[in-house]
N, C-alpha and C. Protein backbone atom coordinates (compact mmCIF):
# COMPACT_ATOMS: atom_id res chain seq x y z
N MET A 1 6.50 23.81 30.57
CA MET A 1 6.92 22.67 29.78
C MET A 1 5.80 21.65 29.63
N LYS A 2 5.08 21.38 30.75
CA LYS A 2 3.96 20.44 30.69
C LYS A 2 2.88 20.96 29.75
N LEU A 3 2.64 22.26 29.80
CA LEU A 3 1.63 22.85 28.93
C LEU A 3 2.01 22.67 27.47
N LEU A 4 3.27 22.87 27.14
CA LEU A 4 3.74 22.70 25.77
C LEU A 4 3.60 21.25 25.32
N LEU A 5 3.94 20.31 26.16
CA LEU A 5 3.82 18.89 25.84
C LEU A 5 2.35 18.50 25.65
N THR A 6 1.50 18.98 26.54
CA THR A 6 0.06 18.71 26.44
C THR A 6 -0.51 19.28 25.14
N LEU A 7 -0.12 20.51 24.80
CA LEU A 7 -0.59 21.13 23.57
C LEU A 7 -0.11 20.34 22.36
N PHE A 8 1.15 19.92 22.37
CA PHE A 8 1.70 19.14 21.27
C PHE A 8 0.94 17.82 21.09
N LEU A 9 0.69 17.12 22.17
CA LEU A 9 -0.05 15.85 22.11
C LEU A 9 -1.48 16.08 21.64
N TRP A 10 -2.12 17.13 22.11
CA TRP A 10 -3.51 17.41 21.72
C TRP A 10 -3.59 17.70 20.23
N VAL A 11 -2.67 18.51 19.71
CA VAL A 11 -2.65 18.83 18.28
C VAL A 11 -2.40 17.57 17.46
N GLY A 12 -1.49 16.72 17.92
CA GLY A 12 -1.19 15.49 17.20
C GLY A 12 -2.39 14.56 17.11
N PHE A 13 -3.12 14.42 18.20
CA PHE A 13 -4.29 13.54 18.20
C PHE A 13 -5.49 14.17 17.51
N ALA A 14 -5.61 15.48 17.57
CA ALA A 14 -6.74 16.17 16.95
C ALA A 14 -6.66 16.09 15.43
N GLY A 15 -5.47 15.94 14.87
CA GLY A 15 -5.30 15.92 13.43
C GLY A 15 -5.75 14.63 12.78
N THR A 16 -5.73 13.53 13.48
CA THR A 16 -6.09 12.24 12.91
C THR A 16 -7.45 11.81 13.42
N PRO A 17 -8.42 11.67 12.52
CA PRO A 17 -9.75 11.27 12.97
C PRO A 17 -9.78 9.82 13.44
N ASP A 18 -10.72 9.50 14.31
CA ASP A 18 -10.81 8.11 14.77
C ASP A 18 -11.65 7.30 13.78
N LEU A 19 -11.30 6.04 13.67
CA LEU A 19 -11.91 5.16 12.69
C LEU A 19 -13.41 5.00 12.90
N ALA A 20 -13.85 4.92 14.15
CA ALA A 20 -15.28 4.74 14.43
C ALA A 20 -16.11 5.91 13.88
N SER A 21 -15.62 7.13 14.05
CA SER A 21 -16.38 8.28 13.55
C SER A 21 -16.35 8.33 12.03
N ILE A 22 -15.24 7.92 11.44
CA ILE A 22 -15.15 7.89 9.97
C ILE A 22 -16.12 6.85 9.41
N ARG A 23 -16.17 5.68 10.03
CA ARG A 23 -17.12 4.64 9.57
C ARG A 23 -18.55 5.14 9.64
N LYS A 24 -18.87 5.81 10.72
CA LYS A 24 -20.24 6.32 10.89
C LYS A 24 -20.56 7.35 9.82
N MET A 25 -19.63 8.23 9.55
CA MET A 25 -19.84 9.26 8.53
C MET A 25 -19.94 8.63 7.14
N TYR A 26 -19.13 7.62 6.87
CA TYR A 26 -19.06 7.04 5.53
C TYR A 26 -20.39 6.44 5.09
N SER A 27 -21.10 5.88 6.01
CA SER A 27 -22.38 5.26 5.63
C SER A 27 -23.40 6.28 5.15
N ASP A 28 -23.23 7.56 5.52
CA ASP A 28 -24.18 8.60 5.12
C ASP A 28 -23.60 9.61 4.13
N VAL A 29 -22.37 9.38 3.71
CA VAL A 29 -21.66 10.38 2.94
C VAL A 29 -22.30 10.68 1.58
N ALA A 30 -22.90 9.71 0.96
CA ALA A 30 -23.47 9.92 -0.37
C ALA A 30 -24.88 10.51 -0.34
N LYS A 31 -25.42 10.69 0.84
CA LYS A 31 -26.81 11.18 0.95
C LYS A 31 -26.97 12.66 0.62
N SER A 32 -25.89 13.44 0.77
CA SER A 32 -25.98 14.87 0.45
C SER A 32 -24.60 15.45 0.21
N GLU A 33 -24.57 16.57 -0.48
CA GLU A 33 -23.31 17.25 -0.72
C GLU A 33 -22.72 17.76 0.59
N THR A 34 -23.58 18.17 1.51
CA THR A 34 -23.11 18.63 2.82
C THR A 34 -22.39 17.51 3.55
N ASN A 35 -22.97 16.32 3.59
CA ASN A 35 -22.32 15.17 4.22
C ASN A 35 -20.98 14.88 3.56
N ALA A 36 -20.96 14.95 2.24
CA ALA A 36 -19.73 14.68 1.50
C ALA A 36 -18.64 15.68 1.86
N LYS A 37 -19.01 16.95 1.92
CA LYS A 37 -18.02 17.99 2.24
C LYS A 37 -17.51 17.85 3.68
N GLU A 38 -18.38 17.47 4.60
CA GLU A 38 -17.94 17.25 5.98
C GLU A 38 -16.96 16.07 6.05
N PHE A 39 -17.25 15.04 5.28
CA PHE A 39 -16.37 13.86 5.24
C PHE A 39 -15.00 14.23 4.67
N VAL A 40 -15.00 14.98 3.59
CA VAL A 40 -13.75 15.42 2.97
C VAL A 40 -12.95 16.26 3.97
N ALA A 41 -13.62 17.18 4.65
CA ALA A 41 -12.95 18.05 5.62
C ALA A 41 -12.37 17.24 6.78
N LYS A 42 -13.11 16.25 7.25
CA LYS A 42 -12.66 15.43 8.37
C LYS A 42 -11.38 14.66 8.03
N LEU A 43 -11.23 14.29 6.76
CA LEU A 43 -10.08 13.50 6.34
C LEU A 43 -8.97 14.34 5.70
N ALA A 44 -9.13 15.64 5.66
CA ALA A 44 -8.16 16.52 5.00
C ALA A 44 -6.76 16.37 5.59
N GLY A 45 -6.64 16.13 6.87
CA GLY A 45 -5.33 16.03 7.52
C GLY A 45 -4.68 14.67 7.43
N VAL A 46 -5.35 13.69 6.85
CA VAL A 46 -4.78 12.34 6.74
C VAL A 46 -3.74 12.33 5.62
N SER A 47 -2.58 11.77 5.92
CA SER A 47 -1.52 11.67 4.90
C SER A 47 -1.26 10.19 4.60
N SER A 48 -0.48 9.95 3.59
CA SER A 48 -0.18 8.57 3.19
C SER A 48 0.61 7.80 4.24
N ASN A 49 1.12 8.49 5.26
CA ASN A 49 1.86 7.83 6.34
C ASN A 49 0.95 7.38 7.49
N ASP A 50 -0.32 7.76 7.45
CA ASP A 50 -1.26 7.40 8.51
C ASP A 50 -1.75 5.97 8.34
N ASP A 51 -2.61 5.55 9.25
CA ASP A 51 -3.23 4.22 9.19
C ASP A 51 -3.80 4.00 7.79
N LYS A 52 -3.48 2.86 7.19
CA LYS A 52 -3.87 2.59 5.80
C LYS A 52 -5.38 2.60 5.59
N ILE A 53 -6.14 2.22 6.58
CA ILE A 53 -7.59 2.26 6.43
C ILE A 53 -8.06 3.72 6.33
N LEU A 54 -7.48 4.59 7.13
CA LEU A 54 -7.82 6.01 7.03
C LEU A 54 -7.39 6.58 5.67
N VAL A 55 -6.27 6.12 5.16
CA VAL A 55 -5.81 6.56 3.84
C VAL A 55 -6.81 6.10 2.77
N ALA A 56 -7.33 4.89 2.92
CA ALA A 56 -8.33 4.40 1.97
C ALA A 56 -9.61 5.26 2.03
N TYR A 57 -10.02 5.65 3.23
CA TYR A 57 -11.18 6.54 3.35
C TYR A 57 -10.86 7.91 2.76
N LYS A 58 -9.63 8.38 2.93
CA LYS A 58 -9.21 9.65 2.33
C LYS A 58 -9.31 9.55 0.81
N ALA A 59 -8.86 8.43 0.24
CA ALA A 59 -8.97 8.22 -1.20
C ALA A 59 -10.43 8.26 -1.64
N ALA A 60 -11.29 7.62 -0.87
CA ALA A 60 -12.72 7.64 -1.18
C ALA A 60 -13.26 9.06 -1.10
N SER A 61 -12.75 9.86 -0.16
CA SER A 61 -13.20 11.24 -0.04
C SER A 61 -12.78 12.07 -1.25
N ILE A 62 -11.60 11.80 -1.79
CA ILE A 62 -11.14 12.49 -2.99
C ILE A 62 -12.01 12.10 -4.18
N LEU A 63 -12.31 10.81 -4.29
CA LEU A 63 -13.20 10.34 -5.36
C LEU A 63 -14.57 10.99 -5.24
N LEU A 64 -15.07 11.07 -4.03
CA LEU A 64 -16.37 11.69 -3.79
C LEU A 64 -16.33 13.18 -4.11
N GLU A 65 -15.26 13.83 -3.70
CA GLU A 65 -15.10 15.26 -3.95
C GLU A 65 -15.08 15.56 -5.45
N SER A 66 -14.53 14.64 -6.23
CA SER A 66 -14.46 14.85 -7.68
C SER A 66 -15.86 15.00 -8.29
N LYS A 67 -16.81 14.38 -7.67
CA LYS A 67 -18.21 14.44 -8.14
C LYS A 67 -18.74 15.88 -8.12
N PHE A 68 -18.23 16.70 -7.21
CA PHE A 68 -18.74 18.05 -7.04
C PHE A 68 -17.89 19.13 -7.71
N GLU A 69 -16.84 18.72 -8.41
CA GLU A 69 -16.02 19.69 -9.14
C GLU A 69 -16.84 20.26 -10.30
N LYS A 70 -16.64 21.53 -10.59
CA LYS A 70 -17.40 22.19 -11.66
C LYS A 70 -16.83 21.90 -13.05
N LYS A 71 -15.52 21.98 -13.18
CA LYS A 71 -14.88 21.77 -14.47
C LYS A 71 -14.60 20.29 -14.69
N LEU A 72 -14.86 19.83 -15.89
CA LEU A 72 -14.65 18.43 -16.22
C LEU A 72 -13.19 18.01 -16.03
N SER A 73 -12.27 18.88 -16.41
CA SER A 73 -10.85 18.54 -16.26
C SER A 73 -10.48 18.35 -14.79
N GLN A 74 -11.01 19.20 -13.91
CA GLN A 74 -10.75 19.09 -12.47
C GLN A 74 -11.42 17.83 -11.92
N LYS A 75 -12.62 17.56 -12.41
CA LYS A 75 -13.35 16.37 -11.98
C LYS A 75 -12.54 15.12 -12.30
N MET A 76 -12.02 15.05 -13.52
CA MET A 76 -11.24 13.89 -13.94
C MET A 76 -9.92 13.79 -13.18
N GLU A 77 -9.28 14.92 -12.97
CA GLU A 77 -8.00 14.94 -12.25
C GLU A 77 -8.18 14.43 -10.82
N ARG A 78 -9.18 14.93 -10.12
CA ARG A 78 -9.44 14.50 -8.74
C ARG A 78 -9.84 13.02 -8.70
N PHE A 79 -10.65 12.59 -9.67
CA PHE A 79 -11.06 11.19 -9.72
C PHE A 79 -9.85 10.28 -9.87
N LYS A 80 -8.98 10.61 -10.80
CA LYS A 80 -7.77 9.80 -11.03
C LYS A 80 -6.88 9.79 -9.79
N GLU A 81 -6.76 10.94 -9.14
CA GLU A 81 -5.95 11.04 -7.92
C GLU A 81 -6.50 10.11 -6.83
N GLY A 82 -7.82 10.14 -6.63
CA GLY A 82 -8.44 9.29 -5.61
C GLY A 82 -8.33 7.81 -5.94
N ALA A 83 -8.57 7.46 -7.20
CA ALA A 83 -8.48 6.06 -7.61
C ALA A 83 -7.06 5.54 -7.47
N LYS A 84 -6.08 6.35 -7.84
CA LYS A 84 -4.68 5.95 -7.74
C LYS A 84 -4.29 5.73 -6.27
N LEU A 85 -4.73 6.63 -5.40
CA LEU A 85 -4.42 6.49 -3.98
C LEU A 85 -5.09 5.25 -3.39
N LEU A 86 -6.34 5.01 -3.75
CA LEU A 86 -7.05 3.85 -3.23
C LEU A 86 -6.39 2.55 -3.70
N GLU A 87 -6.04 2.49 -4.97
CA GLU A 87 -5.39 1.29 -5.49
C GLU A 87 -4.03 1.05 -4.83
N ALA A 88 -3.26 2.11 -4.63
CA ALA A 88 -1.95 1.97 -3.99
C ALA A 88 -2.11 1.50 -2.54
N THR A 89 -3.12 2.00 -1.87
CA THR A 89 -3.35 1.61 -0.47
C THR A 89 -3.74 0.15 -0.38
N ILE A 90 -4.62 -0.29 -1.27
CA ILE A 90 -5.03 -1.70 -1.27
C ILE A 90 -3.85 -2.59 -1.66
N LYS A 91 -3.05 -2.13 -2.58
CA LYS A 91 -1.87 -2.91 -2.99
C LYS A 91 -0.91 -3.10 -1.81
N SER A 92 -0.85 -2.12 -0.91
CA SER A 92 0.04 -2.22 0.25
C SER A 92 -0.47 -3.22 1.29
N ASP A 93 -1.76 -3.53 1.25
CA ASP A 93 -2.36 -4.51 2.18
C ASP A 93 -3.57 -5.15 1.52
N PRO A 94 -3.34 -6.04 0.54
CA PRO A 94 -4.45 -6.62 -0.23
C PRO A 94 -5.38 -7.52 0.57
N SER A 95 -5.00 -7.89 1.77
CA SER A 95 -5.86 -8.77 2.58
C SER A 95 -6.73 -7.98 3.55
N ASN A 96 -6.77 -6.67 3.41
CA ASN A 96 -7.59 -5.85 4.31
C ASN A 96 -9.01 -5.77 3.77
N ILE A 97 -9.93 -6.40 4.46
CA ILE A 97 -11.31 -6.50 4.02
C ILE A 97 -12.03 -5.14 4.01
N GLU A 98 -11.70 -4.27 4.93
CA GLU A 98 -12.37 -2.97 4.98
C GLU A 98 -11.97 -2.10 3.79
N MET A 99 -10.71 -2.16 3.41
CA MET A 99 -10.29 -1.39 2.24
C MET A 99 -10.94 -1.95 0.97
N ARG A 100 -11.13 -3.26 0.92
CA ARG A 100 -11.83 -3.86 -0.22
C ARG A 100 -13.29 -3.40 -0.26
N MET A 101 -13.90 -3.29 0.93
CA MET A 101 -15.28 -2.81 1.00
C MET A 101 -15.37 -1.36 0.52
N ILE A 102 -14.39 -0.54 0.89
CA ILE A 102 -14.37 0.85 0.46
C ILE A 102 -14.30 0.92 -1.06
N ARG A 103 -13.39 0.13 -1.65
CA ARG A 103 -13.27 0.14 -3.11
C ARG A 103 -14.55 -0.34 -3.77
N LEU A 104 -15.15 -1.38 -3.23
CA LEU A 104 -16.40 -1.89 -3.79
C LEU A 104 -17.49 -0.83 -3.71
N SER A 105 -17.59 -0.14 -2.60
CA SER A 105 -18.62 0.88 -2.45
C SER A 105 -18.42 2.02 -3.45
N VAL A 106 -17.17 2.36 -3.72
CA VAL A 106 -16.87 3.40 -4.70
C VAL A 106 -17.20 2.90 -6.10
N GLN A 107 -16.73 1.71 -6.43
CA GLN A 107 -16.90 1.20 -7.78
C GLN A 107 -18.36 0.94 -8.15
N GLU A 108 -19.17 0.58 -7.18
CA GLU A 108 -20.57 0.32 -7.53
C GLU A 108 -21.35 1.61 -7.80
N ASP A 109 -20.79 2.76 -7.40
CA ASP A 109 -21.49 4.03 -7.59
C ASP A 109 -20.91 4.93 -8.68
N VAL A 110 -19.74 4.58 -9.22
CA VAL A 110 -19.17 5.45 -10.25
C VAL A 110 -19.78 5.11 -11.61
N PRO A 111 -19.85 6.10 -12.49
CA PRO A 111 -20.36 5.83 -13.84
C PRO A 111 -19.45 4.85 -14.59
N GLY A 112 -20.02 4.03 -15.41
CA GLY A 112 -19.26 3.04 -16.17
C GLY A 112 -18.21 3.66 -17.07
N ILE A 113 -18.46 4.88 -17.52
CA ILE A 113 -17.53 5.56 -18.42
C ILE A 113 -16.15 5.79 -17.79
N THR A 114 -16.08 5.76 -16.46
CA THR A 114 -14.80 5.98 -15.78
C THR A 114 -13.85 4.79 -15.96
N GLY A 115 -14.39 3.62 -16.24
CA GLY A 115 -13.57 2.43 -16.36
C GLY A 115 -13.11 1.90 -15.02
N TYR A 116 -13.71 2.41 -13.95
CA TYR A 116 -13.27 2.02 -12.60
C TYR A 116 -14.26 1.08 -11.93
N LYS A 117 -14.75 0.11 -12.66
CA LYS A 117 -15.66 -0.89 -12.10
C LYS A 117 -15.07 -2.29 -12.24
N LYS A 118 -13.75 -2.37 -12.28
CA LYS A 118 -13.10 -3.62 -12.63
C LYS A 118 -12.89 -4.61 -11.49
N ASN A 119 -13.08 -4.21 -10.25
CA ASN A 119 -12.79 -5.10 -9.12
C ASN A 119 -14.03 -5.55 -8.35
N ILE A 120 -15.20 -5.29 -8.86
CA ILE A 120 -16.44 -5.58 -8.11
C ILE A 120 -16.55 -7.06 -7.77
N LYS A 121 -16.42 -7.91 -8.75
CA LYS A 121 -16.55 -9.36 -8.50
C LYS A 121 -15.48 -9.85 -7.54
N GLU A 122 -14.25 -9.40 -7.75
CA GLU A 122 -13.13 -9.80 -6.90
C GLU A 122 -13.37 -9.37 -5.44
N ASP A 123 -13.80 -8.15 -5.24
CA ASP A 123 -14.01 -7.64 -3.88
C ASP A 123 -15.23 -8.31 -3.21
N LYS A 124 -16.28 -8.56 -3.98
CA LYS A 124 -17.43 -9.30 -3.43
C LYS A 124 -17.00 -10.67 -2.93
N LYS A 125 -16.24 -11.36 -3.75
CA LYS A 125 -15.77 -12.70 -3.37
C LYS A 125 -14.89 -12.62 -2.13
N PHE A 126 -14.01 -11.64 -2.07
CA PHE A 126 -13.13 -11.47 -0.92
C PHE A 126 -13.94 -11.23 0.35
N ILE A 127 -14.93 -10.36 0.26
CA ILE A 127 -15.76 -10.04 1.43
C ILE A 127 -16.54 -11.26 1.88
N THR A 128 -17.14 -11.98 0.96
CA THR A 128 -17.93 -13.16 1.35
C THR A 128 -17.03 -14.26 1.91
N THR A 129 -15.82 -14.40 1.41
CA THR A 129 -14.89 -15.42 1.87
C THR A 129 -14.37 -15.14 3.28
N TYR A 130 -14.04 -13.89 3.57
CA TYR A 130 -13.37 -13.57 4.83
C TYR A 130 -14.25 -12.87 5.86
N TYR A 131 -15.50 -12.69 5.55
CA TYR A 131 -16.43 -12.01 6.47
C TYR A 131 -16.47 -12.69 7.84
N ALA A 132 -16.63 -14.00 7.87
CA ALA A 132 -16.81 -14.75 9.12
C ALA A 132 -15.63 -14.64 10.07
N SER A 133 -14.45 -14.37 9.57
CA SER A 133 -13.26 -14.32 10.43
C SER A 133 -12.97 -12.93 11.00
N GLN A 134 -13.85 -11.98 10.78
CA GLN A 134 -13.64 -10.61 11.27
C GLN A 134 -14.15 -10.45 12.69
N GLY A 135 -13.67 -9.40 13.37
CA GLY A 135 -14.15 -9.08 14.70
C GLY A 135 -15.59 -8.57 14.66
N ALA A 136 -16.23 -8.54 15.80
CA ALA A 136 -17.65 -8.20 15.87
C ALA A 136 -17.97 -6.82 15.31
N ALA A 137 -17.21 -5.81 15.68
CA ALA A 137 -17.49 -4.44 15.22
C ALA A 137 -17.36 -4.33 13.70
N LEU A 138 -16.31 -4.92 13.15
CA LEU A 138 -16.12 -4.87 11.71
C LEU A 138 -17.18 -5.69 10.99
N LYS A 139 -17.56 -6.84 11.56
CA LYS A 139 -18.62 -7.65 10.96
C LYS A 139 -19.93 -6.87 10.88
N ASP A 140 -20.27 -6.15 11.94
CA ASP A 140 -21.49 -5.33 11.93
C ASP A 140 -21.43 -4.27 10.85
N TYR A 141 -20.29 -3.63 10.74
CA TYR A 141 -20.10 -2.58 9.74
C TYR A 141 -20.21 -3.16 8.32
N LEU A 142 -19.55 -4.29 8.09
CA LEU A 142 -19.62 -4.95 6.78
C LEU A 142 -21.03 -5.42 6.47
N LYS A 143 -21.70 -5.93 7.49
CA LYS A 143 -23.08 -6.39 7.31
C LYS A 143 -23.97 -5.25 6.84
N ASP A 144 -23.86 -4.09 7.50
CA ASP A 144 -24.65 -2.93 7.09
C ASP A 144 -24.36 -2.55 5.65
N PHE A 145 -23.09 -2.61 5.26
CA PHE A 145 -22.74 -2.29 3.88
C PHE A 145 -23.35 -3.30 2.91
N VAL A 146 -23.15 -4.58 3.18
CA VAL A 146 -23.62 -5.63 2.27
C VAL A 146 -25.13 -5.56 2.09
N LEU A 147 -25.86 -5.36 3.16
CA LEU A 147 -27.32 -5.34 3.09
C LEU A 147 -27.87 -4.19 2.26
N GLN A 148 -27.15 -3.08 2.15
CA GLN A 148 -27.63 -1.97 1.34
C GLN A 148 -26.95 -1.91 -0.03
N SER A 149 -25.96 -2.76 -0.25
CA SER A 149 -25.17 -2.73 -1.47
C SER A 149 -25.97 -3.17 -2.70
N LYS A 150 -25.70 -2.51 -3.82
CA LYS A 150 -26.31 -2.87 -5.09
C LYS A 150 -25.59 -4.06 -5.73
N SER A 151 -24.40 -4.35 -5.28
CA SER A 151 -23.57 -5.38 -5.90
C SER A 151 -23.92 -6.79 -5.46
N PHE A 152 -24.53 -6.93 -4.29
CA PHE A 152 -24.89 -8.25 -3.77
C PHE A 152 -26.36 -8.54 -4.05
N SER A 153 -26.62 -9.75 -4.55
CA SER A 153 -28.00 -10.17 -4.78
C SER A 153 -28.63 -10.52 -3.42
N GLU A 154 -29.94 -10.68 -3.41
CA GLU A 154 -30.62 -11.06 -2.16
C GLU A 154 -30.08 -12.40 -1.64
N LYS A 155 -29.82 -13.31 -2.54
CA LYS A 155 -29.27 -14.61 -2.14
C LYS A 155 -27.88 -14.44 -1.55
N GLU A 156 -27.05 -13.60 -2.15
CA GLU A 156 -25.69 -13.37 -1.66
C GLU A 156 -25.69 -12.68 -0.30
N LYS A 157 -26.69 -11.87 -0.04
CA LYS A 157 -26.77 -11.14 1.22
C LYS A 157 -27.07 -12.07 2.41
N GLN A 158 -27.48 -13.28 2.15
CA GLN A 158 -27.81 -14.23 3.23
C GLN A 158 -26.61 -14.61 4.08
N PHE A 159 -25.39 -14.49 3.52
CA PHE A 159 -24.21 -14.91 4.30
C PHE A 159 -23.95 -14.00 5.49
N VAL A 160 -24.52 -12.80 5.52
CA VAL A 160 -24.29 -11.89 6.65
C VAL A 160 -25.41 -11.93 7.69
N LYS A 161 -26.46 -12.65 7.40
CA LYS A 161 -27.61 -12.67 8.31
C LYS A 161 -27.48 -13.74 9.35
């Protein structure tokens, strides 16, 4: 009985990735197709009932995966699926700064033709406004994002230094 309970608990915890490892992977995900595929695989088991931040990363993984689809119709379908999931997740918790950062990172890298660059100014303002009130680990993570981001000017990047 103990063995069965232990196995059940291990399977339950093994299915959901930890946020720290996801954050670490996310910063390198766009560097190669291999990194992107590993990220997608790591988040494959995340469902809409899991932690909303993980769901937002899952949405980003779907958006990223769409980049590597061969057929244009599949590419567009996956892109729309990821964008819809990310928007729904942010709508469920609009004051979550990390989910706003995820959306900003996606929107600054998608082609303009997608029409998915509409929240950049809003998310930048949100991040700059609420950055100071975050915990140390999240502040470090946001700082790393802001300093490499194309959306923030050199002057705007001063608020994280």
